[in-house]
Amino acid sequence: MTAPTMETTQQTPVVQLADGNDWLTVCALSRLTPGRGVAALLPDGRQVALFVDRAGRAYAIDNRDPFTGAYVLSRGLVGSVEGRAFVASPLLKQRFDLATGACLDDDEVSVPVHAIRAA
């Protein structure tokens, strides 16, 4: 007679975006590297840029640069100014606050921010 085996399931943390009243799983948290962005294509065709900072906080903004129309913000340079995490567009270098989407270089421009969580 053999002893029964017990299977254990180890949950991999995932990144999820708010989708109405539900959460949409986008990728494993391990796919995000502090200081680098990742683009994700949503089921409705929109693109988001995902980031995680060195403290483990996750951010999601639209991937479209409002100044050029190019979907490149996920490839931007990540930094911080006065404690505010930002991404600088790789094209024209405008900086966007990762928490609010506000352009730090032009008060009249912003990018949409998406509710995000790591679960």
Protein backbone atom coordinates (compact mmCIF):
# COMPACT_ATOMS: atom_id res chain seq x y z
CA MET A 1 0.00 0.00 0.00
CA THR A 2 1.35 3.44 -0.87
CA ALA A 3 0.92 6.54 1.23
CA PRO A 4 -1.29 9.22 -0.30
CA THR A 5 0.60 12.17 -1.63
CA MET A 6 -0.39 15.68 -0.81
CA GLU A 7 -0.12 18.19 -3.61
CA THR A 8 0.69 21.73 -2.67
CA THR A 9 -0.13 24.66 -4.84
CA GLN A 10 2.11 27.65 -4.63
CA GLN A 11 0.42 30.83 -5.77
CA THR A 12 2.48 33.05 -8.05
CA PRO A 13 1.74 36.74 -7.41
CA VAL A 14 0.05 38.36 -10.41
CA VAL A 15 -0.58 41.89 -11.63
CA GLN A 16 -4.25 42.76 -12.09
CA LEU A 17 -6.01 45.79 -13.56
CA ALA A 18 -9.46 46.98 -12.59
CA ASP A 19 -12.00 46.00 -15.23
CA GLY A 20 -15.39 47.40 -14.23
CA ASN A 21 -16.41 45.52 -11.10
CA ASP A 22 -13.80 42.81 -11.59
CA TRP A 23 -10.02 42.45 -11.89
CA LEU A 24 -8.24 41.35 -15.06
CA THR A 25 -5.04 39.35 -14.60
CA VAL A 26 -2.37 40.82 -16.90
CA CYS A 27 0.88 39.03 -16.03
CA ALA A 28 2.94 37.48 -13.27
CA LEU A 29 4.45 40.08 -10.93
CA SER A 30 7.85 38.49 -11.61
CA ARG A 31 7.64 39.79 -15.21
CA LEU A 32 8.06 43.37 -13.91
CA THR A 33 11.53 44.67 -13.09
CA PRO A 34 12.03 47.85 -11.05
CA GLY A 35 13.10 50.67 -13.33
CA ARG A 36 11.72 49.07 -16.51
CA GLY A 37 8.31 49.13 -18.12
CA VAL A 38 6.30 46.37 -19.78
CA ALA A 39 3.56 46.90 -22.36
CA ALA A 40 0.36 44.85 -22.15
CA LEU A 41 -2.40 44.54 -24.72
CA LEU A 42 -5.84 44.42 -23.12
CA PRO A 43 -8.76 42.38 -24.52
CA ASP A 44 -10.45 45.56 -25.79
CA GLY A 45 -7.34 46.51 -27.82
CA ARG A 46 -6.00 49.22 -25.48
CA GLN A 47 -2.35 49.19 -24.47
CA VAL A 48 -1.11 49.87 -20.96
CA ALA A 49 2.39 50.43 -19.64
CA LEU A 50 3.10 48.57 -16.39
CA PHE A 51 5.81 49.53 -13.93
CA VAL A 52 6.96 48.52 -10.46
CA ASP A 53 9.24 50.67 -8.34
CA ARG A 54 12.01 49.51 -6.03
CA ALA A 55 9.60 49.56 -3.08
CA GLY A 56 7.32 47.10 -4.91
CA ARG A 57 4.53 49.56 -5.78
CA ALA A 58 2.91 48.78 -9.12
CA TYR A 59 1.69 51.41 -11.59
CA ALA A 60 -0.33 51.27 -14.82
CA ILE A 61 -0.75 54.11 -17.30
CA ASP A 62 -1.76 54.23 -20.96
CA ASN A 63 1.14 53.26 -23.20
CA ARG A 64 0.32 56.04 -25.71
CA ASP A 65 2.50 59.16 -25.63
CA PRO A 66 0.01 62.05 -26.01
CA PHE A 67 2.63 64.28 -27.64
CA THR A 68 3.48 61.94 -30.53
CA GLY A 69 0.65 59.37 -30.58
CA ALA A 70 3.20 56.54 -30.44
CA TYR A 71 2.69 53.60 -28.07
CA VAL A 72 6.08 53.85 -26.37
CA LEU A 73 5.74 54.91 -22.72
CA SER A 74 6.55 51.38 -21.51
CA ARG A 75 10.02 51.89 -23.05
CA GLY A 76 10.62 55.19 -21.28
CA LEU A 77 13.18 56.12 -18.67
CA VAL A 78 11.93 55.65 -15.10
CA GLY A 79 12.97 58.02 -12.33
CA SER A 80 11.68 60.13 -9.48
CA VAL A 81 11.55 63.79 -8.60
CA GLU A 82 10.56 65.07 -5.16
CA GLY A 83 9.42 61.56 -4.23
CA ARG A 84 7.17 61.20 -7.29
CA ALA A 85 7.84 58.25 -9.59
CA PHE A 86 7.70 59.14 -13.28
CA VAL A 87 8.41 57.77 -16.73
CA ALA A 88 10.01 59.98 -19.39
CA SER A 89 8.85 59.33 -22.94
CA PRO A 90 11.68 57.82 -25.01
CA LEU A 91 10.80 60.14 -27.88
CA LEU A 92 10.47 63.73 -26.68
CA LYS A 93 11.36 63.09 -23.01
CA GLN A 94 8.23 64.57 -21.38
CA ARG A 95 7.82 63.09 -17.90
CA PHE A 96 4.56 61.54 -16.68
CA ASP A 97 3.77 60.94 -12.99
CA LEU A 98 3.12 57.20 -12.62
CA ALA A 99 0.56 57.66 -9.83
CA THR A 100 -1.53 60.45 -11.38
CA GLY A 101 -0.68 60.44 -15.09
CA ALA A 102 0.02 64.19 -14.99
CA CYS A 103 2.71 65.48 -17.30
CA LEU A 104 5.40 67.09 -15.15
CA ASP A 105 6.48 69.29 -18.05
CA ASP A 106 3.08 70.52 -19.31
CA ASP A 107 0.21 71.08 -16.85
CA GLU A 108 -2.40 70.74 -19.60
CA VAL A 109 -1.44 67.19 -20.65
CA SER A 110 -1.88 63.85 -18.89
CA VAL A 111 -2.24 60.15 -19.61
CA PRO A 112 -4.96 57.91 -18.19
CA VAL A 113 -4.03 55.92 -15.08
CA HIS A 114 -5.42 52.44 -14.45
CA ALA A 115 -6.22 50.93 -11.05
CA ILE A 116 -3.71 48.14 -10.44
CA ARG A 117 -2.93 45.61 -7.74
CA ALA A 118 -0.55 42.75 -7.14
CA ALA A 119 -2.39 39.75 -5.76
